[in-house]
Amino acid sequence: MPLVSVVMPVYNGGKYLGEAIESILAQSFTDFELIVVDDGSTDDSAAKIQAYPDRDSRIRFFKLPRNVGMADARNRGIDAATGEYIAQMDCDDVSIPWRLEKQVGFLQSHPDIGVVGGFLQTASADLTRRQNHEYPQQHADIVLQWILGGRTTFADAISMVRRDILMSVGGYEESRKVAGDMELFSRLYFETRFANLPEVLHVYRQHEEQMSATRHREQQIEINAIRLRWLKRIGVDASAATLGRFDRLHWSKKFGWPEWWLLRRDVKRLIRGMVAAHVLAGSDIPVVEAEMSKRLESAKPRRWQQLMHWRRHRLGF
């Protein structure tokens, strides 16, 4: 059996599919299987995929009779996987040749980590214009920045996860149309630790066939719902107002005193809840407390900060 199973769902991805598959076949790490799941495509995706298994026996092809959606298609691939590690791959992206090698090496040398990602490059449709995107590297930062801001701190497109851990939470939520990755991660945070490798390992192609502005708004609404459920699971009495304060803290906004005291209460509850739910380990606590103390200090009312600046400048303390 291969060590790694790369799962690639495809829906009408024929335009870029060949480049995605070739980027996996060109990996420096070769002990893998590539499971391609055609999710009821109506373009030439299936025809393009069918040519590959004869060329490379590591490729396995599954064609679904109808479109079931990305989450279900990923689960079909995961169910068929035999590798110890599951690597996600989108049909319009390109993985850097040493992606799998780096991620496998990291998981083998860090048994406490269950999910590993890395930095991304976003690119234009023809891959000519590129911009690097860095993410927090340590588990505590990955979780904290996600719950505070509801933003991507770990990219599903480049994830590699231990199969037994992924199966223990049941994979992706069935029939979910948006935010499937964040919903899955929200459950995995309770089961294992995350890490991002500090180098670009993947190229995320941006093109006109991707999610519309309306779907982006729907996704953000759903992400906030996932955050609220997650906060309630760790025992925080969460509300839209709580999320609003966390969002403002994430974006370094100033607070008036009444709201600042509510924010301070929310932060204390958040840290206690993550520790009690074993999302954070003992070694994470000083780091998180120091980070949140710094953020809370910078969120105090502007007049207060001006007074403190004047006192330090005039009185030296």
C-alpha atoms as a PDB file:
ATOM      1  CA  MET A   1       0.000   0.000   0.000  1.00  0.00           C
ATOM      2  CA  PRO A   2       1.219   3.554  -0.694  1.00  0.00           C
ATOM      3  CA  LEU A   3       2.149   5.829   2.184  1.00  0.00           C
ATOM      4  CA  VAL A   4       0.201   8.803   0.791  1.00  0.00           C
ATOM      5  CA  SER A   5      -3.202   9.006  -0.871  1.00  0.00           C
ATOM      6  CA  VAL A   6      -3.743  12.217  -2.832  1.00  0.00           C
ATOM      7  CA  VAL A   7      -7.466  12.927  -3.230  1.00  0.00           C
ATOM      8  CA  MET A   8      -8.531  15.135  -6.146  1.00  0.00           C
ATOM      9  CA  PRO A   9     -12.244  15.845  -6.701  1.00  0.00           C
ATOM     10  CA  VAL A  10     -13.138  17.170 -10.158  1.00  0.00           C
ATOM     11  CA  TYR A  11     -16.210  19.001 -11.362  1.00  0.00           C
ATOM     12  CA  ASN A  12     -15.996  20.500 -14.846  1.00  0.00           C
ATOM     13  CA  GLY A  13     -12.284  21.014 -14.349  1.00  0.00           C
ATOM     14  CA  GLY A  14     -11.062  19.876 -17.743  1.00  0.00           C
ATOM     15  CA  LYS A  15      -9.445  23.200 -18.589  1.00  0.00           C
ATOM     16  CA  TYR A  16      -6.726  22.942 -15.920  1.00  0.00           C
ATOM     17  CA  LEU A  17      -6.947  19.287 -14.900  1.00  0.00           C
ATOM     18  CA  GLY A  18      -3.903  18.105 -16.859  1.00  0.00           C
ATOM     19  CA  GLU A  19      -1.581  20.575 -15.120  1.00  0.00           C
ATOM     20  CA  ALA A  20      -2.901  19.549 -11.695  1.00  0.00           C
ATOM     21  CA  ILE A  21      -2.374  15.835 -12.338  1.00  0.00           C
ATOM     22  CA  GLU A  22       1.070  16.378 -13.870  1.00  0.00           C
ATOM     23  CA  SER A  23       2.165  18.368 -10.799  1.00  0.00           C
ATOM     24  CA  ILE A  24       1.423  15.322  -8.623  1.00  0.00           C
ATOM     25  CA  LEU A  25       3.091  12.880 -10.995  1.00  0.00           C
ATOM     26  CA  ALA A  26       6.182  15.124 -10.913  1.00  0.00           C
ATOM     27  CA  GLN A  27       6.536  14.929  -7.126  1.00  0.00           C
ATOM     28  CA  SER A  28       9.956  14.050  -5.705  1.00  0.00           C
ATOM     29  CA  PHE A  29       8.148  11.726  -3.258  1.00  0.00           C
ATOM     30  CA  THR A  30       6.843   8.786  -5.270  1.00  0.00           C
ATOM     31  CA  ASP A  31       5.149   6.428  -2.764  1.00  0.00           C
ATOM     32  CA  PHE A  32       1.621   7.708  -3.383  1.00  0.00           C
ATOM     33  CA  GLU A  33      -1.652   6.939  -5.087  1.00  0.00           C
ATOM     34  CA  LEU A  34      -3.675   9.659  -6.805  1.00  0.00           C
ATOM     35  CA  ILE A  35      -7.421   9.165  -6.414  1.00  0.00           C
ATOM     36  CA  VAL A  36      -9.356  11.276  -8.913  1.00  0.00           C
ATOM     37  CA  VAL A  37     -13.106  11.529  -8.295  1.00  0.00           C
ATOM     38  CA  ASP A  38     -15.163  12.952 -11.148  1.00  0.00           C
ATOM     39  CA  ASP A  39     -18.191  14.569  -9.505  1.00  0.00           C
ATOM     40  CA  GLY A  40     -20.650  14.230 -12.376  1.00  0.00           C
ATOM     41  CA  SER A  41     -18.818  16.612 -14.712  1.00  0.00           C
ATOM     42  CA  THR A  42     -20.567  17.705 -17.889  1.00  0.00           C
ATOM     43  CA  ASP A  43     -17.400  18.810 -19.704  1.00  0.00           C
ATOM     44  CA  ASP A  44     -14.516  16.655 -20.968  1.00  0.00           C
ATOM     45  CA  SER A  45     -13.030  16.038 -17.488  1.00  0.00           C
ATOM     46  CA  ALA A  46     -13.835  12.303 -17.423  1.00  0.00           C
ATOM     47  CA  ALA A  47     -12.344  11.715 -20.868  1.00  0.00           C
ATOM     48  CA  LYS A  48      -9.135  13.486 -19.867  1.00  0.00           C
ATOM     49  CA  ILE A  49      -8.838  11.530 -16.617  1.00  0.00           C
ATOM     50  CA  GLN A  50      -9.432   8.135 -18.237  1.00  0.00           C
ATOM     51  CA  ALA A  51      -6.236   8.439 -20.256  1.00  0.00           C
ATOM     52  CA  TYR A  52      -4.046   8.577 -17.139  1.00  0.00           C
ATOM     53  CA  PRO A  53      -4.471   5.203 -15.318  1.00  0.00           C
ATOM     54  CA  ASP A  54      -3.055   3.344 -18.342  1.00  0.00           C
ATOM     55  CA  ARG A  55      -0.032   5.613 -18.235  1.00  0.00           C
ATOM     56  CA  ASP A  56       0.582   5.468 -14.465  1.00  0.00           C
ATOM     57  CA  SER A  57      -0.743   2.676 -12.234  1.00  0.00           C
ATOM     58  CA  ARG A  58      -0.687   4.975  -9.193  1.00  0.00           C
ATOM     59  CA  ILE A  59      -3.745   6.798 -10.532  1.00  0.00           C
ATOM     60  CA  ARG A  60      -7.202   5.493  -9.586  1.00  0.00           C
ATOM     61  CA  PHE A  61     -10.303   6.968 -11.204  1.00  0.00           C
ATOM     62  CA  PHE A  62     -13.839   7.039  -9.821  1.00  0.00           C
ATOM     63  CA  LYS A  63     -16.746   8.554 -11.752  1.00  0.00           C
ATOM     64  CA  LEU A  64     -19.855   9.540  -9.827  1.00  0.00           C
ATOM     65  CA  PRO A  65     -23.156   9.277 -11.764  1.00  0.00           C
ATOM     66  CA  ARG A  66     -24.295  12.723 -10.662  1.00  0.00           C
ATOM     67  CA  ASN A  67     -22.930  15.859  -9.059  1.00  0.00           C
ATOM     68  CA  VAL A  68     -22.949  15.453  -5.261  1.00  0.00           C
ATOM     69  CA  GLY A  69     -20.796  18.438  -4.291  1.00  0.00           C
ATOM     70  CA  MET A  70     -17.208  18.939  -3.205  1.00  0.00           C
ATOM     71  CA  ALA A  71     -17.576  17.638   0.366  1.00  0.00           C
ATOM     72  CA  ASP A  72     -19.227  14.369  -0.665  1.00  0.00           C
ATOM     73  CA  ALA A  73     -16.790  13.869  -3.552  1.00  0.00           C
ATOM     74  CA  ARG A  74     -13.820  14.320  -1.211  1.00  0.00           C
ATOM     75  CA  ASN A  75     -15.338  11.768   1.173  1.00  0.00           C
ATOM     76  CA  ARG A  76     -15.700   9.239  -1.663  1.00  0.00           C
ATOM     77  CA  GLY A  77     -12.004   9.632  -2.370  1.00  0.00           C
ATOM     78  CA  ILE A  78     -11.071   9.396   1.307  1.00  0.00           C
ATOM     79  CA  ASP A  79     -13.140   6.207   1.703  1.00  0.00           C
ATOM     80  CA  ALA A  80     -11.239   4.648  -1.201  1.00  0.00           C
ATOM     81  CA  ALA A  81      -7.821   5.769   0.077  1.00  0.00           C
ATOM     82  CA  THR A  82      -5.347   3.217   1.417  1.00  0.00           C
ATOM     83  CA  GLY A  83      -2.493   5.524   2.436  1.00  0.00           C
ATOM     84  CA  GLU A  84      -1.482   6.420   5.976  1.00  0.00           C
ATOM     85  CA  TYR A  85      -1.607  10.089   5.030  1.00  0.00           C
ATOM     86  CA  ILE A  86      -4.341  11.866   3.023  1.00  0.00           C
ATOM     87  CA  ALA A  87      -3.262  14.838   0.906  1.00  0.00           C
ATOM     88  CA  GLN A  88      -5.858  17.133  -0.631  1.00  0.00           C
ATOM     89  CA  MET A  89      -5.445  18.462  -4.156  1.00  0.00           C
ATOM     90  CA  ASP A  90      -7.733  20.682  -6.226  1.00  0.00           C
ATOM     91  CA  CYS A  91      -8.126  20.030  -9.930  1.00  0.00           C
ATOM     92  CA  ASP A  92      -7.164  23.561 -10.989  1.00  0.00           C
ATOM     93  CA  ASP A  93      -4.071  24.039  -8.802  1.00  0.00           C
ATOM     94  CA  VAL A  94      -0.413  23.080  -9.056  1.00  0.00           C
ATOM     95  CA  SER A  95       1.682  21.515  -6.285  1.00  0.00           C
ATOM     96  CA  ILE A  96       5.384  22.357  -6.019  1.00  0.00           C
ATOM     97  CA  PRO A  97       7.473  19.206  -6.807  1.00  0.00           C
ATOM     98  CA  TRP A  98       8.714  18.714  -3.241  1.00  0.00           C
ATOM     99  CA  ARG A  99       5.332  19.318  -1.522  1.00  0.00           C
ATOM    100  CA  LEU A 100       4.617  15.688  -0.582  1.00  0.00           C
ATOM    101  CA  GLU A 101       8.212  15.002   0.426  1.00  0.00           C
ATOM    102  CA  LYS A 102       8.273  17.957   2.815  1.00  0.00           C
ATOM    103  CA  GLN A 103       4.906  17.173   4.385  1.00  0.00           C
ATOM    104  CA  VAL A 104       5.574  13.454   4.835  1.00  0.00           C
ATOM    105  CA  GLY A 105       8.963  14.182   6.384  1.00  0.00           C
ATOM    106  CA  PHE A 106       7.394  16.628   8.820  1.00  0.00           C
ATOM    107  CA  LEU A 107       4.618  14.272   9.940  1.00  0.00           C
ATOM    108  CA  GLN A 108       7.078  11.424  10.400  1.00  0.00           C
ATOM    109  CA  SER A 109       9.328  13.554  12.589  1.00  0.00           C
ATOM    110  CA  HIS A 110       6.477  15.223  14.540  1.00  0.00           C
ATOM    111  CA  PRO A 111       4.146  12.483  15.845  1.00  0.00           C
ATOM    112  CA  ASP A 112       2.152  15.050  17.854  1.00  0.00           C
ATOM    113  CA  ILE A 113       1.051  16.836  14.669  1.00  0.00           C
ATOM    114  CA  GLY A 114      -1.933  15.379  12.822  1.00  0.00           C
ATOM    115  CA  VAL A 115      -2.441  17.945  10.070  1.00  0.00           C
ATOM    116  CA  VAL A 116       0.247  19.852   8.162  1.00  0.00           C
ATOM    117  CA  GLY A 117      -0.059  22.588   5.545  1.00  0.00           C
ATOM    118  CA  GLY A 118       2.225  25.250   4.176  1.00  0.00           C
ATOM    119  CA  PHE A 119       2.384  28.605   2.445  1.00  0.00           C
ATOM    120  CA  LEU A 120       0.588  29.257  -0.850  1.00  0.00           C
ATOM    121  CA  GLN A 121       1.104  31.271  -3.961  1.00  0.00           C
ATOM    122  CA  THR A 122      -2.041  32.688  -5.511  1.00  0.00           C
ATOM    123  CA  ALA A 123      -1.714  32.968  -9.272  1.00  0.00           C
ATOM    124  CA  SER A 124      -3.597  34.229 -12.300  1.00  0.00           C
ATOM    125  CA  ALA A 125      -5.324  31.758 -14.583  1.00  0.00           C
ATOM    126  CA  ASP A 126      -2.226  31.446 -16.786  1.00  0.00           C
ATOM    127  CA  LEU A 127       0.032  31.225 -13.680  1.00  0.00           C
ATOM    128  CA  THR A 128       2.049  34.308 -14.692  1.00  0.00           C
ATOM    129  CA  ARG A 129       1.128  36.686 -11.857  1.00  0.00           C
ATOM    130  CA  ARG A 130       1.865  35.262  -8.439  1.00  0.00           C
ATOM    131  CA  GLN A 131       1.685  36.449  -4.848  1.00  0.00           C
ATOM    132  CA  ASN A 132       2.862  34.582  -1.758  1.00  0.00           C
ATOM    133  CA  HIS A 133       0.494  34.015   1.165  1.00  0.00           C
ATOM    134  CA  GLU A 134       1.917  33.084   4.541  1.00  0.00           C
ATOM    135  CA  TYR A 135      -0.010  31.497   7.391  1.00  0.00           C
ATOM    136  CA  PRO A 136       0.733  31.067  11.106  1.00  0.00           C
ATOM    137  CA  GLN A 137       3.038  28.108  11.665  1.00  0.00           C
ATOM    138  CA  GLN A 138       2.218  27.001  15.213  1.00  0.00           C
ATOM    139  CA  HIS A 139      -0.962  25.239  16.340  1.00  0.00           C
ATOM    140  CA  ALA A 140      -1.995  27.829  18.928  1.00  0.00           C
ATOM    141  CA  ASP A 141      -1.662  30.695  16.435  1.00  0.00           C
ATOM    142  CA  ILE A 142      -3.540  28.771  13.727  1.00  0.00           C
ATOM    143  CA  VAL A 143      -6.546  28.172  16.000  1.00  0.00           C
ATOM    144  CA  LEU A 144      -6.478  31.540  17.756  1.00  0.00           C
ATOM    145  CA  GLN A 145      -6.299  33.652  14.607  1.00  0.00           C
ATOM    146  CA  TRP A 146      -9.084  31.600  13.016  1.00  0.00           C
ATOM    147  CA  ILE A 147     -11.525  31.972  15.892  1.00  0.00           C
ATOM    148  CA  LEU A 148     -10.716  35.659  16.346  1.00  0.00           C
ATOM    149  CA  GLY A 149     -11.030  36.694  12.723  1.00  0.00           C
ATOM    150  CA  GLY A 150     -12.829  33.911  10.873  1.00  0.00           C
ATOM    151  CA  ARG A 151     -10.139  34.010   8.202  1.00  0.00           C
ATOM    152  CA  THR A 152      -8.169  31.219   6.542  1.00  0.00           C
ATOM    153  CA  THR A 153      -5.151  30.366   8.693  1.00  0.00           C
ATOM    154  CA  PHE A 154      -4.795  26.880   7.242  1.00  0.00           C
ATOM    155  CA  ALA A 155      -5.473  26.119   3.577  1.00  0.00           C
ATOM    156  CA  ASP A 156      -7.409  22.943   2.756  1.00  0.00           C
ATOM    157  CA  ALA A 157      -5.907  22.916  -0.752  1.00  0.00           C
ATOM    158  CA  ILE A 158      -2.492  22.011   0.672  1.00  0.00           C
ATOM    159  CA  SER A 159      -3.485  19.929   3.694  1.00  0.00           C
ATOM    160  CA  MET A 160      -2.035  16.543   4.563  1.00  0.00           C
ATOM    161  CA  VAL A 161      -3.680  14.690   7.447  1.00  0.00           C
ATOM    162  CA  ARG A 162      -3.176  11.358   9.163  1.00  0.00           C
ATOM    163  CA  ARG A 163      -5.886   9.082   7.804  1.00  0.00           C
ATOM    164  CA  ASP A 164      -6.858   7.563  11.154  1.00  0.00           C
ATOM    165  CA  ILE A 165      -7.511  11.021  12.625  1.00  0.00           C
ATOM    166  CA  LEU A 166      -9.519  12.117   9.597  1.00  0.00           C
ATOM    167  CA  MET A 167     -11.642   8.971   9.737  1.00  0.00           C
ATOM    168  CA  SER A 168     -12.188   9.378  13.482  1.00  0.00           C
ATOM    169  CA  VAL A 169     -14.144  12.613  12.881  1.00  0.00           C
ATOM    170  CA  GLY A 170     -16.053  11.236   9.884  1.00  0.00           C
ATOM    171  CA  GLY A 171     -14.393  13.264   7.136  1.00  0.00           C
ATOM    172  CA  TYR A 172     -16.120  16.237   5.570  1.00  0.00           C
ATOM    173  CA  GLU A 173     -19.670  17.107   6.565  1.00  0.00           C
ATOM    174  CA  GLU A 174     -21.956  15.471   4.023  1.00  0.00           C
ATOM    175  CA  SER A 175     -23.823  17.665   1.531  1.00  0.00           C
ATOM    176  CA  ARG A 176     -22.108  20.838   2.719  1.00  0.00           C
ATOM    177  CA  LYS A 177     -21.882  23.369  -0.113  1.00  0.00           C
ATOM    178  CA  VAL A 178     -19.659  26.081   1.422  1.00  0.00           C
ATOM    179  CA  ALA A 179     -16.949  26.306   4.094  1.00  0.00           C
ATOM    180  CA  GLY A 180     -16.467  22.540   4.180  1.00  0.00           C
ATOM    181  CA  ASP A 181     -12.794  22.893   5.011  1.00  0.00           C
ATOM    182  CA  MET A 182     -13.306  25.195   7.990  1.00  0.00           C
ATOM    183  CA  GLU A 183     -16.098  23.024   9.328  1.00  0.00           C
ATOM    184  CA  LEU A 184     -13.828  19.966   9.167  1.00  0.00           C
ATOM    185  CA  PHE A 185     -10.920  21.826  10.777  1.00  0.00           C
ATOM    186  CA  SER A 186     -13.218  23.066  13.556  1.00  0.00           C
ATOM    187  CA  ARG A 187     -13.707  19.412  14.553  1.00  0.00           C
ATOM    188  CA  LEU A 188     -10.097  18.364  14.004  1.00  0.00           C
ATOM    189  CA  TYR A 189      -8.882  21.099  16.386  1.00  0.00           C
ATOM    190  CA  PHE A 190     -10.289  18.975  19.215  1.00  0.00           C
ATOM    191  CA  GLU A 191      -8.524  15.817  18.046  1.00  0.00           C
ATOM    192  CA  THR A 192      -5.008  16.823  17.014  1.00  0.00           C
ATOM    193  CA  ARG A 193      -2.501  19.612  16.468  1.00  0.00           C
ATOM    194  CA  PHE A 194      -1.914  21.596  13.284  1.00  0.00           C
ATOM    195  CA  ALA A 195       1.232  23.086  11.721  1.00  0.00           C
ATOM    196  CA  ASN A 196       2.116  25.053   8.590  1.00  0.00           C
ATOM    197  CA  LEU A 197       5.505  24.621   6.963  1.00  0.00           C
ATOM    198  CA  PRO A 198       7.200  27.998   6.376  1.00  0.00           C
ATOM    199  CA  GLU A 199       7.620  27.699   2.626  1.00  0.00           C
ATOM    200  CA  VAL A 200       5.516  27.852  -0.519  1.00  0.00           C
ATOM    201  CA  LEU A 201       4.412  24.337  -1.475  1.00  0.00           C
ATOM    202  CA  HIS A 202       1.384  24.981  -3.655  1.00  0.00           C
ATOM    203  CA  VAL A 203       0.064  27.330  -6.329  1.00  0.00           C
ATOM    204  CA  TYR A 204      -3.599  28.285  -5.976  1.00  0.00           C
ATOM    205  CA  ARG A 205      -4.970  29.307  -9.358  1.00  0.00           C
ATOM    206  CA  GLN A 206      -7.542  32.119  -9.409  1.00  0.00           C
ATOM    207  CA  HIS A 207      -9.875  32.165 -12.406  1.00  0.00           C
ATOM    208  CA  GLU A 208     -13.338  33.280 -13.449  1.00  0.00           C
ATOM    209  CA  GLU A 209     -14.996  29.889 -12.948  1.00  0.00           C
ATOM    210  CA  GLN A 210     -14.457  30.025  -9.189  1.00  0.00           C
ATOM    211  CA  MET A 211     -16.817  31.151  -6.448  1.00  0.00           C
ATOM    212  CA  SER A 212     -19.004  34.196  -7.138  1.00  0.00           C
ATOM    213  CA  ALA A 213     -19.271  37.217  -4.851  1.00  0.00           C
ATOM    214  CA  THR A 214     -22.677  35.937  -3.694  1.00  0.00           C
ATOM    215  CA  ARG A 215     -21.192  32.580  -2.724  1.00  0.00           C
ATOM    216  CA  HIS A 216     -18.390  34.380  -0.888  1.00  0.00           C
ATOM    217  CA  ARG A 217     -20.975  36.213   1.214  1.00  0.00           C
ATOM    218  CA  GLU A 218     -22.793  32.934   1.875  1.00  0.00           C
ATOM    219  CA  GLN A 219     -19.496  31.373   2.897  1.00  0.00           C
ATOM    220  CA  GLN A 220     -18.692  34.132   5.382  1.00  0.00           C
ATOM    221  CA  ILE A 221     -22.138  33.777   6.959  1.00  0.00           C
ATOM    222  CA  GLU A 222     -21.580  30.035   7.302  1.00  0.00           C
ATOM    223  CA  ILE A 223     -18.061  30.504   8.700  1.00  0.00           C
ATOM    224  CA  ASN A 224     -19.505  32.707  11.444  1.00  0.00           C
ATOM    225  CA  ALA A 225     -22.097  30.032  12.215  1.00  0.00           C
ATOM    226  CA  ILE A 226     -19.282  27.456  12.482  1.00  0.00           C
ATOM    227  CA  ARG A 227     -17.343  29.762  14.830  1.00  0.00           C
ATOM    228  CA  LEU A 228     -20.393  30.203  17.058  1.00  0.00           C
ATOM    229  CA  ARG A 229     -20.949  26.429  17.271  1.00  0.00           C
ATOM    230  CA  TRP A 230     -17.269  25.949  18.067  1.00  0.00           C
ATOM    231  CA  LEU A 231     -17.321  28.540  20.858  1.00  0.00           C
ATOM    232  CA  LYS A 232     -20.390  26.926  22.386  1.00  0.00           C
ATOM    233  CA  ARG A 233     -18.673  23.540  22.264  1.00  0.00           C
ATOM    234  CA  ILE A 234     -15.806  24.858  24.396  1.00  0.00           C
ATOM    235  CA  GLY A 235     -18.244  26.359  26.873  1.00  0.00           C
ATOM    236  CA  VAL A 236     -18.183  30.006  25.793  1.00  0.00           C
ATOM    237  CA  ASP A 237     -21.571  31.747  25.910  1.00  0.00           C
ATOM    238  CA  ALA A 238     -21.176  32.924  22.330  1.00  0.00           C
ATOM    239  CA  SER A 239     -23.287  35.434  20.437  1.00  0.00           C
ATOM    240  CA  ALA A 240     -23.069  37.585  17.338  1.00  0.00           C
ATOM    241  CA  ALA A 241     -21.845  40.374  19.622  1.00  0.00           C
ATOM    242  CA  THR A 242     -18.995  38.144  20.851  1.00  0.00           C
ATOM    243  CA  LEU A 243     -17.926  37.400  17.277  1.00  0.00           C
ATOM    244  CA  GLY A 244     -18.174  41.075  16.436  1.00  0.00           C
ATOM    245  CA  ARG A 245     -15.788  41.955  19.268  1.00  0.00           C
ATOM    246  CA  PHE A 246     -13.379  39.208  18.211  1.00  0.00           C
ATOM    247  CA  ASP A 247     -13.457  40.461  14.602  1.00  0.00           C
ATOM    248  CA  ARG A 248     -12.692  44.006  15.707  1.00  0.00           C
ATOM    249  CA  LEU A 249      -9.868  42.780  17.910  1.00  0.00           C
ATOM    250  CA  HIS A 250      -8.453  40.792  14.990  1.00  0.00           C
ATOM    251  CA  TRP A 251      -8.398  43.932  12.840  1.00  0.00           C
ATOM    252  CA  SER A 252      -6.790  46.002  15.649  1.00  0.00           C
ATOM    253  CA  LYS A 253      -9.797  48.283  16.227  1.00  0.00           C
ATOM    254  CA  LYS A 254     -10.141  50.484  19.313  1.00  0.00           C
ATOM    255  CA  PHE A 255     -12.859  49.881  21.925  1.00  0.00           C
ATOM    256  CA  GLY A 256     -14.690  52.123  24.332  1.00  0.00           C
ATOM    257  CA  TRP A 257     -14.337  51.142  27.988  1.00  0.00           C
ATOM    258  CA  PRO A 258     -17.691  49.309  28.384  1.00  0.00           C
ATOM    259  CA  GLU A 259     -17.030  47.121  25.344  1.00  0.00           C
ATOM    260  CA  TRP A 260     -13.374  46.653  26.236  1.00  0.00           C
ATOM    261  CA  TRP A 261     -14.345  45.075  29.557  1.00  0.00           C
ATOM    262  CA  LEU A 262     -16.742  42.759  27.707  1.00  0.00           C
ATOM    263  CA  LEU A 263     -13.949  41.872  25.285  1.00  0.00           C
ATOM    264  CA  ARG A 264     -11.586  41.127  28.184  1.00  0.00           C
ATOM    265  CA  ARG A 265     -14.214  38.794  29.654  1.00  0.00           C
ATOM    266  CA  ASP A 266     -14.683  37.090  26.261  1.00  0.00           C
ATOM    267  CA  VAL A 267     -10.938  36.547  25.864  1.00  0.00           C
ATOM    268  CA  LYS A 268     -10.594  35.004  29.322  1.00  0.00           C
ATOM    269  CA  ARG A 269     -13.488  32.643  28.622  1.00  0.00           C
ATOM    270  CA  LEU A 270     -11.980  31.744  25.247  1.00  0.00           C
ATOM    271  CA  ILE A 271      -8.609  30.776  26.709  1.00  0.00           C
ATOM    272  CA  ARG A 272     -10.171  28.810  29.579  1.00  0.00           C
ATOM    273  CA  GLY A 273     -12.471  26.998  27.151  1.00  0.00           C
ATOM    274  CA  MET A 274      -9.675  26.028  24.750  1.00  0.00           C
ATOM    275  CA  VAL A 275      -7.575  24.684  27.604  1.00  0.00           C
ATOM    276  CA  ALA A 276     -10.477  22.718  29.107  1.00  0.00           C
ATOM    277  CA  ALA A 277     -11.335  21.222  25.696  1.00  0.00           C
ATOM    278  CA  HIS A 278      -7.665  20.269  25.129  1.00  0.00           C
ATOM    279  CA  VAL A 279      -7.455  22.431  22.025  1.00  0.00           C
ATOM    280  CA  LEU A 280      -4.422  24.037  23.675  1.00  0.00           C
ATOM    281  CA  ALA A 281      -1.628  22.181  25.439  1.00  0.00           C
ATOM    282  CA  GLY A 282       0.072  23.434  28.569  1.00  0.00           C
ATOM    283  CA  SER A 283       3.007  24.760  26.567  1.00  0.00           C
ATOM    284  CA  ASP A 284       0.615  26.889  24.475  1.00  0.00           C
ATOM    285  CA  ILE A 285      -0.879  28.787  27.398  1.00  0.00           C
ATOM    286  CA  PRO A 286       1.932  31.313  28.106  1.00  0.00           C
ATOM    287  CA  VAL A 287       2.212  32.094  24.386  1.00  0.00           C
ATOM    288  CA  VAL A 288      -1.539  32.630  23.982  1.00  0.00           C
ATOM    289  CA  GLU A 289      -1.863  34.659  27.178  1.00  0.00           C
ATOM    290  CA  ALA A 290       1.012  36.928  26.138  1.00  0.00           C
ATOM    291  CA  GLU A 291      -0.458  37.418  22.648  1.00  0.00           C
ATOM    292  CA  MET A 292      -3.932  38.209  23.962  1.00  0.00           C
ATOM    293  CA  SER A 293      -2.565  40.571  26.617  1.00  0.00           C
ATOM    294  CA  LYS A 294      -0.765  42.504  23.889  1.00  0.00           C
ATOM    295  CA  ARG A 295      -3.881  42.626  21.724  1.00  0.00           C
ATOM    296  CA  LEU A 296      -6.079  43.741  24.600  1.00  0.00           C
ATOM    297  CA  GLU A 297      -3.661  46.513  25.495  1.00  0.00           C
ATOM    298  CA  SER A 298      -3.686  47.859  21.929  1.00  0.00           C
ATOM    299  CA  ALA A 299      -7.512  47.693  21.858  1.00  0.00           C
ATOM    300  CA  LYS A 300      -7.935  50.084  24.797  1.00  0.00           C
ATOM    301  CA  PRO A 301      -9.554  53.465  24.074  1.00  0.00           C
ATOM    302  CA  ARG A 302      -7.355  55.859  22.115  1.00  0.00           C
ATOM    303  CA  ARG A 303      -7.518  58.575  24.800  1.00  0.00           C
ATOM    304  CA  TRP A 304      -6.225  56.088  27.372  1.00  0.00           C
ATOM    305  CA  GLN A 305      -3.308  55.174  25.155  1.00  0.00           C
ATOM    306  CA  GLN A 306      -2.572  58.846  24.541  1.00  0.00           C
ATOM    307  CA  LEU A 307      -2.505  59.399  28.305  1.00  0.00           C
ATOM    308  CA  MET A 308      -0.142  56.468  28.820  1.00  0.00           C
ATOM    309  CA  HIS A 309       2.113  57.761  26.045  1.00  0.00           C
ATOM    310  CA  TRP A 310       2.166  61.209  27.661  1.00  0.00           C
ATOM    311  CA  ARG A 311       2.968  59.711  31.071  1.00  0.00           C
ATOM    312  CA  ARG A 312       5.857  57.662  29.730  1.00  0.00           C
ATOM    313  CA  HIS A 313       7.208  60.628  27.779  1.00  0.00           C
ATOM    314  CA  ARG A 314       6.842  63.170  30.576  1.00  0.00           C
ATOM    315  CA  LEU A 315       7.327  61.098  33.697  1.00  0.00           C
ATOM    316  CA  GLY A 316       9.424  58.218  32.427  1.00  0.00           C
ATOM    317  CA  PHE A 317       7.132  55.386  33.538  1.00  0.00           C
END
